[in-house]
Amino acid sequence: MTTTVDQPTATTGEFEEPGPGLAGMALACAEAAARALDDHPGTVLVSADHTPPPLAAAAARHPERVVAAGARGRSPLCVAHGLAVAGLRPIVYATRSPLGWWPPGRSAPLGRPGPTAAVLVAPAAPEDVALLDALGGWTIHLPGHPEEARELLAAALRADHPAYLGLTGSPNTHPHPVGGFHVARRGRRGVVLAVGPALDPVLRATAGLDVTALHAATVRPFDEITLRTAVLAADHPDVVLVDPCLPGASAHHVARTLLHVPHRLLTLGPDPDDEHQPADTIRRFLRHAPSTTPQRGARP
């Protein structure tokens, strides 16, 4: 029988079903998690709230490896920690991020690096990347397409460290390669790094501009080599970082990557009220590089 954990009193917003933009992402992850339950006896599903059909079917096949931890409070995190300590590989599947329930200043107990570290799958909340980044040791994925989410979850389950898959709405039209940053377009006037589902809007915003567009489905570890190579190849070391959740979530990593490269950095996030505003901002920033910025190969 599926185990159920009592739900503590909520201290934040009420539980919400995933919006339509998340449906494909959630389904892809549910299918990958269901396959993991079938193929790997040490995998345990910690269901924080709603269980989609693929996982419900897998739970029926493996009821002894499914824990219904409840939609509220810190229960999913605590349960996953206990399972990891016991030597199992927990997948926490939630339709809202449980990290917001964790008290400030305390580490979220989701396992330490090792073959039993937990994998958390949930809609991305603005604070999640910063929280997990501060803890260290986490692989953080922000896929831009359901196929990317499926591939990244499977890879996370094969790895020996805790991993987070933050799901967002409005996926890109097509999947892109995962594992490091992917060069979606090459140019000379600057570099735009689009995280997850921000790629399609970035490609539309920079249409006709001679810029390099990079896509990142994984932001931790941060692919310093690809970013630095792209910036050094450009005539203008101008970087635009577009995050799908919190603007500037990776700005400090960009600064560290380009520590010895004088550069300009613009950070942007989603603007649901005006989809054209980010495009205008990017174009103004890249078209108005300072006249004092030397071009590569130019004499002083």
C-alpha atoms as a PDB file:
ATOM      1  CA  MET A   1       0.000   0.000   0.000  1.00  0.00           C
ATOM      2  CA  THR A   2       1.166   3.502  -0.764  1.00  0.00           C
ATOM      3  CA  THR A   3       2.489   5.243   2.355  1.00  0.00           C
ATOM      4  CA  THR A   4       0.908   8.572   3.323  1.00  0.00           C
ATOM      5  CA  VAL A   5       2.555  11.197   5.523  1.00  0.00           C
ATOM      6  CA  ASP A   6       0.465  13.673   7.521  1.00  0.00           C
ATOM      7  CA  GLN A   7       0.452  17.186   6.127  1.00  0.00           C
ATOM      8  CA  PRO A   8       1.564  20.041   8.401  1.00  0.00           C
ATOM      9  CA  THR A   9      -0.227  23.349   8.455  1.00  0.00           C
ATOM     10  CA  ALA A  10       0.515  25.510   5.431  1.00  0.00           C
ATOM     11  CA  THR A  11       2.352  28.793   5.819  1.00  0.00           C
ATOM     12  CA  THR A  12       2.351  29.877   2.190  1.00  0.00           C
ATOM     13  CA  GLY A  13      -0.094  29.929  -0.701  1.00  0.00           C
ATOM     14  CA  GLU A  14      -2.593  27.189  -1.431  1.00  0.00           C
ATOM     15  CA  PHE A  15      -1.826  24.241  -3.633  1.00  0.00           C
ATOM     16  CA  GLU A  16      -2.351  24.902  -7.329  1.00  0.00           C
ATOM     17  CA  GLU A  17      -2.577  22.581 -10.321  1.00  0.00           C
ATOM     18  CA  PRO A  18       0.149  23.174 -12.942  1.00  0.00           C
ATOM     19  CA  GLY A  19      -0.797  25.616 -15.672  1.00  0.00           C
ATOM     20  CA  PRO A  20      -1.154  24.491 -19.286  1.00  0.00           C
ATOM     21  CA  GLY A  21       2.380  25.585 -20.135  1.00  0.00           C
ATOM     22  CA  LEU A  22       3.731  23.085 -17.611  1.00  0.00           C
ATOM     23  CA  ALA A  23       1.654  20.144 -18.785  1.00  0.00           C
ATOM     24  CA  GLY A  24       4.140  18.812 -21.339  1.00  0.00           C
ATOM     25  CA  MET A  25       7.114  19.257 -19.003  1.00  0.00           C
ATOM     26  CA  ALA A  26       5.338  17.563 -16.107  1.00  0.00           C
ATOM     27  CA  LEU A  27       4.177  14.671 -18.275  1.00  0.00           C
ATOM     28  CA  ALA A  28       7.681  14.058 -19.658  1.00  0.00           C
ATOM     29  CA  CYS A  29       9.154  13.980 -16.151  1.00  0.00           C
ATOM     30  CA  ALA A  30       6.352  11.741 -14.908  1.00  0.00           C
ATOM     31  CA  GLU A  31       7.049   9.259 -17.697  1.00  0.00           C
ATOM     32  CA  ALA A  32      10.792   9.292 -16.969  1.00  0.00           C
ATOM     33  CA  ALA A  33      10.172   8.804 -13.248  1.00  0.00           C
ATOM     34  CA  ALA A  34       7.765   5.944 -13.946  1.00  0.00           C
ATOM     35  CA  ARG A  35      10.393   4.228 -16.076  1.00  0.00           C
ATOM     36  CA  ALA A  36      12.937   4.669 -13.271  1.00  0.00           C
ATOM     37  CA  LEU A  37      10.559   2.945 -10.844  1.00  0.00           C
ATOM     38  CA  ASP A  38      10.219   0.058 -13.278  1.00  0.00           C
ATOM     39  CA  ASP A  39      13.923  -0.275 -14.075  1.00  0.00           C
ATOM     40  CA  HIS A  40      15.685   0.546 -10.796  1.00  0.00           C
ATOM     41  CA  PRO A  41      14.565  -1.240  -7.598  1.00  0.00           C
ATOM     42  CA  GLY A  42      16.285   1.324  -5.384  1.00  0.00           C
ATOM     43  CA  THR A  43      14.240   4.237  -6.727  1.00  0.00           C
ATOM     44  CA  VAL A  44      11.418   5.574  -4.542  1.00  0.00           C
ATOM     45  CA  LEU A  45       8.836   8.166  -5.565  1.00  0.00           C
ATOM     46  CA  VAL A  46       7.963  10.846  -3.022  1.00  0.00           C
ATOM     47  CA  SER A  47       4.742  12.350  -4.351  1.00  0.00           C
ATOM     48  CA  ALA A  48       4.208  15.766  -2.824  1.00  0.00           C
ATOM     49  CA  ASP A  49       0.718  16.308  -4.194  1.00  0.00           C
ATOM     50  CA  HIS A  50      -0.944  15.425  -7.505  1.00  0.00           C
ATOM     51  CA  THR A  51       0.131  12.131  -9.132  1.00  0.00           C
ATOM     52  CA  PRO A  52      -0.200  12.199 -12.952  1.00  0.00           C
ATOM     53  CA  PRO A  53      -1.395   9.067 -14.797  1.00  0.00           C
ATOM     54  CA  PRO A  54       2.064   7.687 -15.717  1.00  0.00           C
ATOM     55  CA  LEU A  55       3.168   7.835 -12.089  1.00  0.00           C
ATOM     56  CA  ALA A  56      -0.161   6.528 -10.831  1.00  0.00           C
ATOM     57  CA  ALA A  57       0.238   3.489 -13.060  1.00  0.00           C
ATOM     58  CA  ALA A  58       3.812   2.974 -11.847  1.00  0.00           C
ATOM     59  CA  ALA A  59       2.649   3.360  -8.253  1.00  0.00           C
ATOM     60  CA  ALA A  60       0.112   0.608  -8.815  1.00  0.00           C
ATOM     61  CA  ARG A  61       2.906  -1.652 -10.050  1.00  0.00           C
ATOM     62  CA  HIS A  62       5.285  -0.726  -7.199  1.00  0.00           C
ATOM     63  CA  PRO A  63       3.126   0.383  -4.242  1.00  0.00           C
ATOM     64  CA  GLU A  64       5.908  -0.400  -1.777  1.00  0.00           C
ATOM     65  CA  ARG A  65       8.120   2.285  -3.362  1.00  0.00           C
ATOM     66  CA  VAL A  66       5.705   5.207  -3.425  1.00  0.00           C
ATOM     67  CA  VAL A  67       5.302   7.665  -0.549  1.00  0.00           C
ATOM     68  CA  ALA A  68       2.492  10.238  -0.597  1.00  0.00           C
ATOM     69  CA  ALA A  69       4.060  13.004   1.473  1.00  0.00           C
ATOM     70  CA  GLY A  70       1.343  15.629   1.095  1.00  0.00           C
ATOM     71  CA  ALA A  71       1.129  18.924  -0.728  1.00  0.00           C
ATOM     72  CA  ARG A  72       2.003  21.183   2.183  1.00  0.00           C
ATOM     73  CA  GLY A  73       4.842  21.779   4.560  1.00  0.00           C
ATOM     74  CA  ARG A  74       8.313  20.283   4.700  1.00  0.00           C
ATOM     75  CA  SER A  75       7.219  16.659   4.640  1.00  0.00           C
ATOM     76  CA  PRO A  76       8.448  15.873   1.083  1.00  0.00           C
ATOM     77  CA  LEU A  77      11.949  17.110   1.916  1.00  0.00           C
ATOM     78  CA  CYS A  78      12.156  15.291   5.226  1.00  0.00           C
ATOM     79  CA  VAL A  79      10.829  12.061   3.736  1.00  0.00           C
ATOM     80  CA  ALA A  80      13.321  12.241   0.860  1.00  0.00           C
ATOM     81  CA  HIS A  81      16.152  12.803   3.313  1.00  0.00           C
ATOM     82  CA  GLY A  82      15.167   9.763   5.350  1.00  0.00           C
ATOM     83  CA  LEU A  83      14.947   7.594   2.253  1.00  0.00           C
ATOM     84  CA  ALA A  84      18.351   8.787   1.032  1.00  0.00           C
ATOM     85  CA  VAL A  85      19.908   8.035   4.431  1.00  0.00           C
ATOM     86  CA  ALA A  86      18.378   4.556   4.200  1.00  0.00           C
ATOM     87  CA  GLY A  87      20.243   3.970   0.938  1.00  0.00           C
ATOM     88  CA  LEU A  88      17.382   4.545  -1.523  1.00  0.00           C
ATOM     89  CA  ARG A  89      17.211   6.948  -4.476  1.00  0.00           C
ATOM     90  CA  PRO A  90      14.227   9.274  -3.886  1.00  0.00           C
ATOM     91  CA  ILE A  91      12.505  11.292  -6.610  1.00  0.00           C
ATOM     92  CA  VAL A  92      10.466  14.140  -5.149  1.00  0.00           C
ATOM     93  CA  TYR A  93       7.701  14.976  -7.628  1.00  0.00           C
ATOM     94  CA  ALA A  94       5.639  18.078  -6.868  1.00  0.00           C
ATOM     95  CA  THR A  95       3.374  20.475  -8.733  1.00  0.00           C
ATOM     96  CA  ARG A  96       4.751  23.354  -6.689  1.00  0.00           C
ATOM     97  CA  SER A  97       8.206  23.797  -5.239  1.00  0.00           C
ATOM     98  CA  PRO A  98       8.478  22.536  -1.648  1.00  0.00           C
ATOM     99  CA  LEU A  99      11.699  24.497  -1.075  1.00  0.00           C
ATOM    100  CA  GLY A 100       9.743  27.613  -0.145  1.00  0.00           C
ATOM    101  CA  TRP A 101       8.502  25.818   2.975  1.00  0.00           C
ATOM    102  CA  TRP A 102      11.989  25.387   4.354  1.00  0.00           C
ATOM    103  CA  PRO A 103      13.001  27.860   7.102  1.00  0.00           C
ATOM    104  CA  PRO A 104      15.527  30.511   6.009  1.00  0.00           C
ATOM    105  CA  GLY A 105      19.080  29.738   7.022  1.00  0.00           C
ATOM    106  CA  ARG A 106      18.590  25.986   7.192  1.00  0.00           C
ATOM    107  CA  SER A 107      19.775  23.491   4.598  1.00  0.00           C
ATOM    108  CA  ALA A 108      17.108  21.573   2.732  1.00  0.00           C
ATOM    109  CA  PRO A 109      17.756  17.922   3.671  1.00  0.00           C
ATOM    110  CA  LEU A 110      17.578  16.249   0.289  1.00  0.00           C
ATOM    111  CA  GLY A 111      20.674  14.117   0.515  1.00  0.00           C
ATOM    112  CA  ARG A 112      24.381  14.628   0.101  1.00  0.00           C
ATOM    113  CA  PRO A 113      26.520  13.764  -2.897  1.00  0.00           C
ATOM    114  CA  GLY A 114      26.378  10.016  -3.421  1.00  0.00           C
ATOM    115  CA  PRO A 115      24.352   7.358  -5.222  1.00  0.00           C
ATOM    116  CA  THR A 116      21.332   7.920  -2.957  1.00  0.00           C
ATOM    117  CA  ALA A 117      21.026  11.716  -3.273  1.00  0.00           C
ATOM    118  CA  ALA A 118      17.533  12.961  -4.063  1.00  0.00           C
ATOM    119  CA  VAL A 119      16.202  14.337  -7.323  1.00  0.00           C
ATOM    120  CA  LEU A 120      13.631  17.111  -6.975  1.00  0.00           C
ATOM    121  CA  VAL A 121      11.171  17.760  -9.823  1.00  0.00           C
ATOM    122  CA  ALA A 122       8.901  20.784  -9.382  1.00  0.00           C
ATOM    123  CA  PRO A 123       7.760  23.998 -11.054  1.00  0.00           C
ATOM    124  CA  ALA A 124      10.608  26.481 -10.757  1.00  0.00           C
ATOM    125  CA  ALA A 125      10.111  29.140  -8.090  1.00  0.00           C
ATOM    126  CA  PRO A 126      12.151  32.365  -8.291  1.00  0.00           C
ATOM    127  CA  GLU A 127      14.129  31.614  -5.133  1.00  0.00           C
ATOM    128  CA  ASP A 128      14.948  27.965  -5.857  1.00  0.00           C
ATOM    129  CA  VAL A 129      18.132  28.449  -7.889  1.00  0.00           C
ATOM    130  CA  ALA A 130      19.605  30.901  -5.387  1.00  0.00           C
ATOM    131  CA  LEU A 131      18.790  28.617  -2.449  1.00  0.00           C
ATOM    132  CA  LEU A 132      20.286  25.495  -3.995  1.00  0.00           C
ATOM    133  CA  ASP A 133      23.252  27.461  -5.332  1.00  0.00           C
ATOM    134  CA  ALA A 134      24.015  28.608  -1.786  1.00  0.00           C
ATOM    135  CA  LEU A 135      23.914  25.031  -0.502  1.00  0.00           C
ATOM    136  CA  GLY A 136      26.445  23.887  -3.088  1.00  0.00           C
ATOM    137  CA  GLY A 137      26.850  20.473  -4.651  1.00  0.00           C
ATOM    138  CA  TRP A 138      23.577  20.586  -6.576  1.00  0.00           C
ATOM    139  CA  THR A 139      23.073  20.090 -10.274  1.00  0.00           C
ATOM    140  CA  ILE A 140      20.367  22.539 -11.357  1.00  0.00           C
ATOM    141  CA  HIS A 141      18.432  21.973 -14.561  1.00  0.00           C
ATOM    142  CA  LEU A 142      15.963  24.403 -16.129  1.00  0.00           C
ATOM    143  CA  PRO A 143      14.866  22.568 -19.286  1.00  0.00           C
ATOM    144  CA  GLY A 144      13.322  24.485 -22.144  1.00  0.00           C
ATOM    145  CA  HIS A 145      11.389  21.614 -23.725  1.00  0.00           C
ATOM    146  CA  PRO A 146       9.684  18.391 -22.527  1.00  0.00           C
ATOM    147  CA  GLU A 147      12.231  16.211 -24.331  1.00  0.00           C
ATOM    148  CA  GLU A 148      15.031  18.052 -22.558  1.00  0.00           C
ATOM    149  CA  ALA A 149      13.271  17.481 -19.229  1.00  0.00           C
ATOM    150  CA  ARG A 150      12.937  13.774 -19.950  1.00  0.00           C
ATOM    151  CA  GLU A 151      16.613  13.442 -20.883  1.00  0.00           C
ATOM    152  CA  LEU A 152      17.842  15.506 -17.935  1.00  0.00           C
ATOM    153  CA  LEU A 153      15.819  13.538 -15.386  1.00  0.00           C
ATOM    154  CA  ALA A 154      17.174  10.269 -16.722  1.00  0.00           C
ATOM    155  CA  ALA A 155      20.714  11.678 -16.522  1.00  0.00           C
ATOM    156  CA  ALA A 156      20.133  12.986 -12.996  1.00  0.00           C
ATOM    157  CA  LEU A 157      19.110   9.524 -11.827  1.00  0.00           C
ATOM    158  CA  ARG A 158      22.336   8.079 -13.212  1.00  0.00           C
ATOM    159  CA  ALA A 159      24.506  10.675 -11.446  1.00  0.00           C
ATOM    160  CA  ASP A 160      25.873  10.591  -7.896  1.00  0.00           C
ATOM    161  CA  HIS A 161      24.734  13.970  -6.613  1.00  0.00           C
ATOM    162  CA  PRO A 162      21.490  15.751  -5.745  1.00  0.00           C
ATOM    163  CA  ALA A 163      19.706  17.302  -8.696  1.00  0.00           C
ATOM    164  CA  TYR A 164      16.878  19.758  -9.244  1.00  0.00           C
ATOM    165  CA  LEU A 165      14.655  20.009 -12.309  1.00  0.00           C
ATOM    166  CA  GLY A 166      12.809  23.311 -12.315  1.00  0.00           C
ATOM    167  CA  LEU A 167       9.903  23.219 -14.736  1.00  0.00           C
ATOM    168  CA  THR A 168       8.600  26.377 -16.381  1.00  0.00           C
ATOM    169  CA  GLY A 169       5.789  27.201 -18.776  1.00  0.00           C
ATOM    170  CA  SER A 170       5.915  28.330 -22.412  1.00  0.00           C
ATOM    171  CA  PRO A 171       8.478  25.783 -23.637  1.00  0.00           C
ATOM    172  CA  ASN A 172      10.590  26.334 -26.710  1.00  0.00           C
ATOM    173  CA  THR A 173       9.276  25.029 -30.013  1.00  0.00           C
ATOM    174  CA  HIS A 174      12.088  22.505 -30.432  1.00  0.00           C
ATOM    175  CA  PRO A 175      14.386  20.674 -27.992  1.00  0.00           C
ATOM    176  CA  HIS A 176      18.081  21.505 -27.952  1.00  0.00           C
ATOM    177  CA  PRO A 177      21.156  19.555 -26.863  1.00  0.00           C
ATOM    178  CA  VAL A 178      21.645  19.290 -23.107  1.00  0.00           C
ATOM    179  CA  GLY A 179      24.880  19.049 -21.179  1.00  0.00           C
ATOM    180  CA  GLY A 180      26.675  22.386 -21.121  1.00  0.00           C
ATOM    181  CA  PHE A 181      25.653  25.452 -23.080  1.00  0.00           C
ATOM    182  CA  HIS A 182      24.506  24.989 -26.659  1.00  0.00           C
ATOM    183  CA  VAL A 183      25.324  27.491 -29.424  1.00  0.00           C
ATOM    184  CA  ALA A 184      21.978  28.190 -31.083  1.00  0.00           C
ATOM    185  CA  ARG A 185      23.238  31.048 -33.282  1.00  0.00           C
ATOM    186  CA  ARG A 186      26.658  32.578 -33.955  1.00  0.00           C
ATOM    187  CA  GLY A 187      27.418  36.266 -34.262  1.00  0.00           C
ATOM    188  CA  ARG A 188      30.074  38.905 -33.577  1.00  0.00           C
ATOM    189  CA  ARG A 189      28.406  41.776 -31.766  1.00  0.00           C
ATOM    190  CA  GLY A 190      27.750  40.186 -28.381  1.00  0.00           C
ATOM    191  CA  VAL A 191      26.442  37.113 -26.574  1.00  0.00           C
ATOM    192  CA  VAL A 192      22.961  36.393 -25.270  1.00  0.00           C
ATOM    193  CA  LEU A 193      22.666  33.501 -22.811  1.00  0.00           C
ATOM    194  CA  ALA A 194      19.082  32.207 -22.689  1.00  0.00           C
ATOM    195  CA  VAL A 195      18.180  29.860 -19.862  1.00  0.00           C
ATOM    196  CA  GLY A 196      15.594  27.148 -20.484  1.00  0.00           C
ATOM    197  CA  PRO A 197      12.418  28.377 -22.196  1.00  0.00           C
ATOM    198  CA  ALA A 198      13.876  31.858 -22.704  1.00  0.00           C
ATOM    199  CA  LEU A 199      15.576  30.746 -25.923  1.00  0.00           C
ATOM    200  CA  ASP A 200      12.688  31.180 -28.363  1.00  0.00           C
ATOM    201  CA  PRO A 201      11.916  34.731 -27.129  1.00  0.00           C
ATOM    202  CA  VAL A 202      15.637  35.552 -27.309  1.00  0.00           C
ATOM    203  CA  LEU A 203      15.922  34.298 -30.890  1.00  0.00           C
ATOM    204  CA  ARG A 204      12.918  36.425 -31.862  1.00  0.00           C
ATOM    205  CA  ALA A 205      14.289  39.434 -29.985  1.00  0.00           C
ATOM    206  CA  THR A 206      17.683  39.206 -31.691  1.00  0.00           C
ATOM    207  CA  ALA A 207      16.461  38.390 -35.195  1.00  0.00           C
ATOM    208  CA  GLY A 208      18.558  40.409 -37.617  1.00  0.00           C
ATOM    209  CA  LEU A 209      21.238  41.165 -35.022  1.00  0.00           C
ATOM    210  CA  ASP A 210      24.753  39.802 -35.453  1.00  0.00           C
ATOM    211  CA  VAL A 211      24.954  38.179 -32.006  1.00  0.00           C
ATOM    212  CA  THR A 212      25.693  34.754 -30.579  1.00  0.00           C
ATOM    213  CA  ALA A 213      22.784  33.057 -28.792  1.00  0.00           C
ATOM    214  CA  LEU A 214      23.584  30.378 -26.216  1.00  0.00           C
ATOM    215  CA  HIS A 215      21.034  28.058 -24.659  1.00  0.00           C
ATOM    216  CA  ALA A 216      21.433  26.643 -21.153  1.00  0.00           C
ATOM    217  CA  ALA A 217      19.247  23.773 -19.948  1.00  0.00           C
ATOM    218  CA  THR A 218      21.637  23.239 -17.025  1.00  0.00           C
ATOM    219  CA  VAL A 219      22.859  26.252 -15.052  1.00  0.00           C
ATOM    220  CA  ARG A 220      24.769  24.437 -12.281  1.00  0.00           C
ATOM    221  CA  PRO A 221      27.451  23.497 -12.940  1.00  0.00           C
ATOM    222  CA  PHE A 222      27.897  26.671 -14.956  1.00  0.00           C
ATOM    223  CA  ASP A 223      29.519  26.138 -18.352  1.00  0.00           C
ATOM    224  CA  GLU A 224      32.258  28.735 -18.062  1.00  0.00           C
ATOM    225  CA  ILE A 225      34.257  27.449 -21.025  1.00  0.00           C
ATOM    226  CA  THR A 226      31.495  27.851 -23.623  1.00  0.00           C
ATOM    227  CA  LEU A 227      30.517  31.309 -22.378  1.00  0.00           C
ATOM    228  CA  ARG A 228      34.092  32.583 -22.218  1.00  0.00           C
ATOM    229  CA  THR A 229      34.861  31.198 -25.675  1.00  0.00           C
ATOM    230  CA  ALA A 230      31.795  32.897 -27.159  1.00  0.00           C
ATOM    231  CA  VAL A 231      32.575  36.252 -25.533  1.00  0.00           C
ATOM    232  CA  LEU A 232      36.241  36.211 -26.618  1.00  0.00           C
ATOM    233  CA  ALA A 233      35.163  35.418 -30.187  1.00  0.00           C
ATOM    234  CA  ALA A 234      32.851  38.444 -30.327  1.00  0.00           C
ATOM    235  CA  ASP A 235      33.895  41.927 -31.433  1.00  0.00           C
ATOM    236  CA  HIS A 236      32.092  43.412 -28.423  1.00  0.00           C
ATOM    237  CA  PRO A 237      32.279  41.656 -25.013  1.00  0.00           C
ATOM    238  CA  ASP A 238      28.642  42.423 -24.227  1.00  0.00           C
ATOM    239  CA  VAL A 239      26.583  39.742 -22.465  1.00  0.00           C
ATOM    240  CA  VAL A 240      22.832  39.530 -21.981  1.00  0.00           C
ATOM    241  CA  LEU A 241      21.624  36.961 -19.444  1.00  0.00           C
ATOM    242  CA  VAL A 242      17.941  36.024 -19.745  1.00  0.00           C
ATOM    243  CA  ASP A 243      16.542  33.888 -16.913  1.00  0.00           C
ATOM    244  CA  PRO A 244      13.035  32.385 -16.972  1.00  0.00           C
ATOM    245  CA  CYS A 245      12.398  32.973 -13.259  1.00  0.00           C
ATOM    246  CA  LEU A 246      14.605  35.395 -11.343  1.00  0.00           C
ATOM    247  CA  PRO A 247      16.628  38.002 -13.278  1.00  0.00           C
ATOM    248  CA  GLY A 248      20.323  37.757 -12.614  1.00  0.00           C
ATOM    249  CA  ALA A 249      20.237  34.342 -10.922  1.00  0.00           C
ATOM    250  CA  SER A 250      23.507  33.449 -12.671  1.00  0.00           C
ATOM    251  CA  ALA A 251      25.005  36.944 -12.892  1.00  0.00           C
ATOM    252  CA  HIS A 252      27.738  36.194 -10.347  1.00  0.00           C
ATOM    253  CA  HIS A 253      28.790  33.165 -12.372  1.00  0.00           C
ATOM    254  CA  VAL A 254      29.025  35.297 -15.509  1.00  0.00           C
ATOM    255  CA  ALA A 255      31.148  37.823 -13.622  1.00  0.00           C
ATOM    256  CA  ARG A 256      33.456  35.098 -12.318  1.00  0.00           C
ATOM    257  CA  THR A 257      33.766  33.523 -15.766  1.00  0.00           C
ATOM    258  CA  LEU A 258      34.751  36.871 -17.292  1.00  0.00           C
ATOM    259  CA  LEU A 259      36.818  38.072 -14.343  1.00  0.00           C
ATOM    260  CA  HIS A 260      39.739  39.074 -16.578  1.00  0.00           C
ATOM    261  CA  VAL A 261      37.633  40.160 -19.545  1.00  0.00           C
ATOM    262  CA  PRO A 262      36.280  43.734 -19.433  1.00  0.00           C
ATOM    263  CA  HIS A 263      32.615  43.351 -20.352  1.00  0.00           C
ATOM    264  CA  ARG A 264      29.115  44.719 -19.979  1.00  0.00           C
ATOM    265  CA  LEU A 265      26.314  42.579 -18.531  1.00  0.00           C
ATOM    266  CA  LEU A 266      22.556  43.018 -18.849  1.00  0.00           C
ATOM    267  CA  THR A 267      20.268  40.718 -16.834  1.00  0.00           C
ATOM    268  CA  LEU A 268      16.649  40.181 -17.758  1.00  0.00           C
ATOM    269  CA  GLY A 269      13.747  38.050 -16.603  1.00  0.00           C
ATOM    270  CA  PRO A 270      10.258  37.292 -17.862  1.00  0.00           C
ATOM    271  CA  ASP A 271       7.843  40.147 -18.475  1.00  0.00           C
ATOM    272  CA  PRO A 272       4.327  38.663 -18.712  1.00  0.00           C
ATOM    273  CA  ASP A 273       2.783  42.112 -19.150  1.00  0.00           C
ATOM    274  CA  ASP A 274       4.812  43.098 -22.208  1.00  0.00           C
ATOM    275  CA  GLU A 275       6.552  40.449 -24.307  1.00  0.00           C
ATOM    276  CA  HIS A 276       8.067  43.123 -26.570  1.00  0.00           C
ATOM    277  CA  GLN A 277       9.794  45.087 -23.799  1.00  0.00           C
ATOM    278  CA  PRO A 278      12.668  42.593 -23.281  1.00  0.00           C
ATOM    279  CA  ALA A 279      13.274  42.519 -27.036  1.00  0.00           C
ATOM    280  CA  ASP A 280      13.535  46.308 -27.158  1.00  0.00           C
ATOM    281  CA  THR A 281      15.888  46.312 -24.165  1.00  0.00           C
ATOM    282  CA  ILE A 282      18.176  43.686 -25.683  1.00  0.00           C
ATOM    283  CA  ARG A 283      18.336  45.504 -29.006  1.00  0.00           C
ATOM    284  CA  ARG A 284      19.134  48.847 -27.381  1.00  0.00           C
ATOM    285  CA  PHE A 285      21.848  47.292 -25.225  1.00  0.00           C
ATOM    286  CA  LEU A 286      23.576  45.431 -28.052  1.00  0.00           C
ATOM    287  CA  ARG A 287      23.230  48.203 -30.634  1.00  0.00           C
ATOM    288  CA  HIS A 288      24.618  50.906 -28.364  1.00  0.00           C
ATOM    289  CA  ALA A 289      27.929  49.462 -27.269  1.00  0.00           C
ATOM    290  CA  PRO A 290      30.256  52.138 -25.829  1.00  0.00           C
ATOM    291  CA  SER A 291      32.460  53.713 -28.463  1.00  0.00           C
ATOM    292  CA  THR A 292      35.424  53.115 -26.150  1.00  0.00           C
ATOM    293  CA  THR A 293      34.977  49.341 -26.388  1.00  0.00           C
ATOM    294  CA  PRO A 294      37.825  48.139 -28.646  1.00  0.00           C
ATOM    295  CA  GLN A 295      37.085  45.616 -31.349  1.00  0.00           C
ATOM    296  CA  ARG A 296      39.021  42.396 -31.403  1.00  0.00           C
ATOM    297  CA  GLY A 297      42.159  42.850 -33.506  1.00  0.00           C
ATOM    298  CA  ALA A 298      41.846  46.638 -33.676  1.00  0.00           C
ATOM    299  CA  ARG A 299      44.896  48.744 -32.910  1.00  0.00           C
ATOM    300  CA  PRO A 300      44.702  51.043 -29.888  1.00  0.00           C
END
